[in-house]
Amino acid sequence: MGEVMGDLQTRRALIMGMDSRDNYQVIKARTPLATLDRYSTTLRSLSQGRARFTQHFSDYAPVPADVQQKLSKSVQMAEAV
């Protein structure tokens, strides 16, 4: 469970809560979609194939300033070509 939580934090996740259901732990988190590329593969690896995830759209939100700067630079470089 700790490895999954740590991985979510590296993906800028906001942990909304944790529940127990039957023999499972359920983590509810809000995570930027851009950080979930190949997440199912990573999750299976972290959980030895036992975990799964579902995703649902929540809302749009501003990106952090450091991400904005990276995006701006990549757009400027693309326009310069």
N, C-alpha and C. Protein backbone atom coordinates (compact mmCIF):
# COMPACT_ATOMS: atom_id res chain seq x y z
N MET A 1 0.83 -1.19 0.00
CA MET A 1 0.00 0.00 0.00
C MET A 1 0.87 1.26 0.00
N GLY A 2 1.96 1.24 0.74
CA GLY A 2 2.83 2.41 0.82
C GLY A 2 3.46 2.77 -0.51
N GLU A 3 3.83 1.75 -1.29
CA GLU A 3 4.43 2.01 -2.60
C GLU A 3 3.42 2.65 -3.54
N VAL A 4 2.18 2.22 -3.47
CA VAL A 4 1.13 2.79 -4.32
C VAL A 4 0.89 4.25 -3.92
N MET A 5 0.81 4.52 -2.63
CA MET A 5 0.61 5.90 -2.16
C MET A 5 1.78 6.79 -2.59
N GLY A 6 2.99 6.28 -2.46
CA GLY A 6 4.16 7.04 -2.87
C GLY A 6 4.15 7.34 -4.36
N ASP A 7 3.76 6.36 -5.16
CA ASP A 7 3.68 6.57 -6.60
C ASP A 7 2.62 7.62 -6.95
N LEU A 8 1.48 7.56 -6.28
CA LEU A 8 0.44 8.56 -6.52
C LEU A 8 0.94 9.96 -6.20
N GLN A 9 1.70 10.09 -5.13
CA GLN A 9 2.21 11.42 -4.76
C GLN A 9 3.18 11.95 -5.81
N THR A 10 3.96 11.07 -6.44
CA THR A 10 4.86 11.54 -7.50
C THR A 10 4.08 11.99 -8.72
N ARG A 11 2.83 11.58 -8.82
CA ARG A 11 1.97 11.97 -9.94
C ARG A 11 1.09 13.17 -9.59
N ARG A 12 1.44 13.90 -8.57
CA ARG A 12 0.72 15.09 -8.11
C ARG A 12 -0.71 14.77 -7.69
N ALA A 13 -0.91 13.60 -7.11
CA ALA A 13 -2.26 13.19 -6.67
C ALA A 13 -2.63 13.87 -5.36
N LEU A 14 -3.91 14.14 -5.23
CA LEU A 14 -4.47 14.62 -3.97
C LEU A 14 -5.28 13.45 -3.41
N ILE A 15 -4.81 12.86 -2.33
CA ILE A 15 -5.48 11.71 -1.73
C ILE A 15 -6.73 12.20 -1.01
N MET A 16 -7.87 11.69 -1.44
CA MET A 16 -9.16 12.10 -0.88
C MET A 16 -9.60 11.21 0.27
N GLY A 17 -9.09 9.99 0.33
CA GLY A 17 -9.46 9.09 1.41
C GLY A 17 -9.11 7.65 1.10
N MET A 18 -9.23 6.82 2.12
CA MET A 18 -8.98 5.39 1.98
C MET A 18 -10.11 4.65 2.69
N ASP A 19 -10.55 3.54 2.10
CA ASP A 19 -11.61 2.72 2.67
C ASP A 19 -11.19 1.26 2.59
N SER A 20 -11.80 0.44 3.43
CA SER A 20 -11.65 -1.01 3.33
C SER A 20 -12.95 -1.58 2.79
N ARG A 21 -12.82 -2.45 1.80
CA ARG A 21 -13.98 -3.15 1.24
C ARG A 21 -13.60 -4.62 1.12
N ASP A 22 -14.35 -5.46 1.81
CA ASP A 22 -14.03 -6.89 1.83
C ASP A 22 -12.57 -7.05 2.23
N ASN A 23 -11.76 -7.65 1.37
CA ASN A 23 -10.34 -7.84 1.68
C ASN A 23 -9.46 -6.84 0.94
N TYR A 24 -10.04 -5.74 0.49
CA TYR A 24 -9.31 -4.78 -0.32
C TYR A 24 -9.22 -3.42 0.36
N GLN A 25 -8.19 -2.67 -0.02
CA GLN A 25 -8.05 -1.28 0.37
C GLN A 25 -8.40 -0.44 -0.85
N VAL A 26 -9.21 0.58 -0.67
CA VAL A 26 -9.60 1.47 -1.76
C VAL A 26 -9.01 2.85 -1.48
N ILE A 27 -8.27 3.36 -2.43
CA ILE A 27 -7.70 4.71 -2.33
C ILE A 27 -8.47 5.60 -3.28
N LYS A 28 -9.01 6.70 -2.77
CA LYS A 28 -9.67 7.68 -3.62
C LYS A 28 -8.73 8.87 -3.74
N ALA A 29 -8.41 9.23 -4.97
CA ALA A 29 -7.47 10.32 -5.20
C ALA A 29 -7.85 11.09 -6.45
N ARG A 30 -7.50 12.36 -6.46
CA ARG A 30 -7.65 13.21 -7.65
C ARG A 30 -6.25 13.39 -8.22
N THR A 31 -6.10 12.98 -9.46
CA THR A 31 -4.78 12.99 -10.09
C THR A 31 -4.90 13.59 -11.49
N PRO A 32 -3.97 14.44 -11.88
CA PRO A 32 -4.02 14.98 -13.24
C PRO A 32 -3.95 13.86 -14.27
N LEU A 33 -4.81 13.91 -15.26
CA LEU A 33 -4.86 12.89 -16.29
C LEU A 33 -3.51 12.74 -17.00
N ALA A 34 -2.82 13.84 -17.19
CA ALA A 34 -1.54 13.80 -17.89
C ALA A 34 -0.51 12.94 -17.18
N THR A 35 -0.68 12.69 -15.89
CA THR A 35 0.29 11.89 -15.14
C THR A 35 -0.08 10.42 -15.07
N LEU A 36 -1.20 10.04 -15.66
CA LEU A 36 -1.67 8.66 -15.55
C LEU A 36 -1.32 7.78 -16.76
N ASP A 37 -0.47 8.27 -17.64
CA ASP A 37 -0.05 7.47 -18.78
C ASP A 37 0.63 6.19 -18.30
N ARG A 38 0.17 5.05 -18.77
CA ARG A 38 0.69 3.72 -18.42
C ARG A 38 0.54 3.40 -16.92
N TYR A 39 -0.39 4.06 -16.24
CA TYR A 39 -0.54 3.83 -14.80
C TYR A 39 -0.98 2.41 -14.47
N SER A 40 -1.84 1.82 -15.28
CA SER A 40 -2.32 0.47 -14.96
C SER A 40 -1.15 -0.51 -14.93
N THR A 41 -0.19 -0.36 -15.83
CA THR A 41 1.00 -1.22 -15.83
C THR A 41 1.82 -1.00 -14.57
N THR A 42 2.02 0.25 -14.20
CA THR A 42 2.78 0.56 -13.00
C THR A 42 2.09 0.02 -11.76
N LEU A 43 0.78 0.19 -11.69
CA LEU A 43 0.02 -0.28 -10.53
C LEU A 43 0.11 -1.80 -10.40
N ARG A 44 -0.02 -2.51 -11.50
CA ARG A 44 0.10 -3.97 -11.45
C ARG A 44 1.49 -4.38 -10.97
N SER A 45 2.49 -3.67 -11.42
CA SER A 45 3.86 -3.97 -10.99
C SER A 45 4.04 -3.73 -9.50
N LEU A 46 3.54 -2.61 -9.01
CA LEU A 46 3.67 -2.29 -7.59
C LEU A 46 2.90 -3.25 -6.69
N SER A 47 1.81 -3.81 -7.21
CA SER A 47 0.94 -4.66 -6.38
C SER A 47 1.04 -6.15 -6.73
N GLN A 48 2.06 -6.52 -7.49
CA GLN A 48 2.23 -7.91 -7.94
C GLN A 48 0.98 -8.41 -8.67
N GLY A 49 0.34 -7.53 -9.42
CA GLY A 49 -0.80 -7.89 -10.24
C GLY A 49 -2.14 -7.95 -9.54
N ARG A 50 -2.20 -7.55 -8.28
CA ARG A 50 -3.45 -7.67 -7.52
C ARG A 50 -4.34 -6.44 -7.59
N ALA A 51 -3.78 -5.28 -7.89
CA ALA A 51 -4.56 -4.03 -7.83
C ALA A 51 -5.12 -3.67 -9.20
N ARG A 52 -6.16 -2.87 -9.19
CA ARG A 52 -6.73 -2.31 -10.40
C ARG A 52 -7.19 -0.89 -10.08
N PHE A 53 -7.45 -0.12 -11.13
CA PHE A 53 -7.93 1.24 -10.88
C PHE A 53 -9.01 1.61 -11.88
N THR A 54 -9.83 2.55 -11.46
CA THR A 54 -10.82 3.14 -12.34
C THR A 54 -10.60 4.64 -12.32
N GLN A 55 -11.04 5.30 -13.37
CA GLN A 55 -10.90 6.75 -13.41
C GLN A 55 -12.18 7.38 -13.92
N HIS A 56 -12.46 8.55 -13.39
CA HIS A 56 -13.64 9.32 -13.75
C HIS A 56 -13.23 10.78 -13.82
N PHE A 57 -13.77 11.51 -14.79
CA PHE A 57 -13.48 12.93 -14.89
C PHE A 57 -14.04 13.66 -13.67
N SER A 58 -13.24 14.56 -13.12
CA SER A 58 -13.68 15.35 -11.97
C SER A 58 -13.89 16.81 -12.38
N ASP A 59 -12.82 17.46 -12.81
CA ASP A 59 -12.92 18.86 -13.19
C ASP A 59 -11.63 19.30 -13.87
N TYR A 60 -11.65 20.50 -14.38
CA TYR A 60 -10.45 21.13 -14.90
C TYR A 60 -9.85 21.97 -13.79
N ALA A 61 -8.53 22.03 -13.74
CA ALA A 61 -7.86 22.82 -12.71
C ALA A 61 -6.59 23.42 -13.31
N PRO A 62 -6.16 24.56 -12.80
CA PRO A 62 -4.91 25.16 -13.29
C PRO A 62 -3.73 24.24 -12.97
N VAL A 63 -2.75 24.25 -13.86
CA VAL A 63 -1.55 23.46 -13.60
C VAL A 63 -0.60 24.29 -12.73
N PRO A 64 0.27 23.63 -11.98
CA PRO A 64 1.24 24.36 -11.17
C PRO A 64 2.16 25.23 -12.04
N ALA A 65 2.73 26.24 -11.44
CA ALA A 65 3.57 27.20 -12.17
C ALA A 65 4.73 26.53 -12.89
N ASP A 66 5.39 25.57 -12.26
CA ASP A 66 6.54 24.92 -12.91
C ASP A 66 6.10 24.15 -14.16
N VAL A 67 4.94 23.55 -14.13
CA VAL A 67 4.42 22.84 -15.30
C VAL A 67 4.03 23.84 -16.38
N GLN A 68 3.46 24.97 -16.00
CA GLN A 68 3.11 26.02 -16.97
C GLN A 68 4.36 26.49 -17.72
N GLN A 69 5.45 26.69 -16.98
CA GLN A 69 6.68 27.15 -17.60
C GLN A 69 7.21 26.13 -18.61
N LYS A 70 7.18 24.85 -18.24
CA LYS A 70 7.65 23.80 -19.16
C LYS A 70 6.78 23.76 -20.42
N LEU A 71 5.47 23.88 -20.24
CA LEU A 71 4.57 23.87 -21.39
C LEU A 71 4.82 25.07 -22.29
N SER A 72 5.01 26.24 -21.70
CA SER A 72 5.26 27.45 -22.48
C SER A 72 6.55 27.32 -23.28
N LYS A 73 7.59 26.79 -22.66
CA LYS A 73 8.87 26.61 -23.36
C LYS A 73 8.73 25.63 -24.52
N SER A 74 8.00 24.55 -24.31
CA SER A 74 7.86 23.57 -25.39
C SER A 74 7.04 24.14 -26.55
N VAL A 75 6.04 24.96 -26.26
CA VAL A 75 5.26 25.60 -27.33
C VAL A 75 6.14 26.59 -28.08
N GLN A 76 6.92 27.38 -27.36
CA GLN A 76 7.80 28.35 -28.00
C GLN A 76 8.81 27.66 -28.90
N MET A 77 9.35 26.54 -28.44
CA MET A 77 10.33 25.80 -29.24
C MET A 77 9.67 25.22 -30.49
N ALA A 78 8.45 24.73 -30.35
CA ALA A 78 7.73 24.17 -31.49
C ALA A 78 7.39 25.25 -32.52
N GLU A 79 7.05 26.44 -32.05
CA GLU A 79 6.73 27.54 -32.96
C GLU A 79 7.98 28.05 -33.67
N ALA A 80 9.14 27.90 -33.04
CA ALA A 80 10.38 28.39 -33.63
C ALA A 80 10.85 27.49 -34.78
N VAL A 81 10.36 26.29 -34.84
CA VAL A 81 10.80 25.35 -35.88
C VAL A 81 10.17 25.61 -37.19
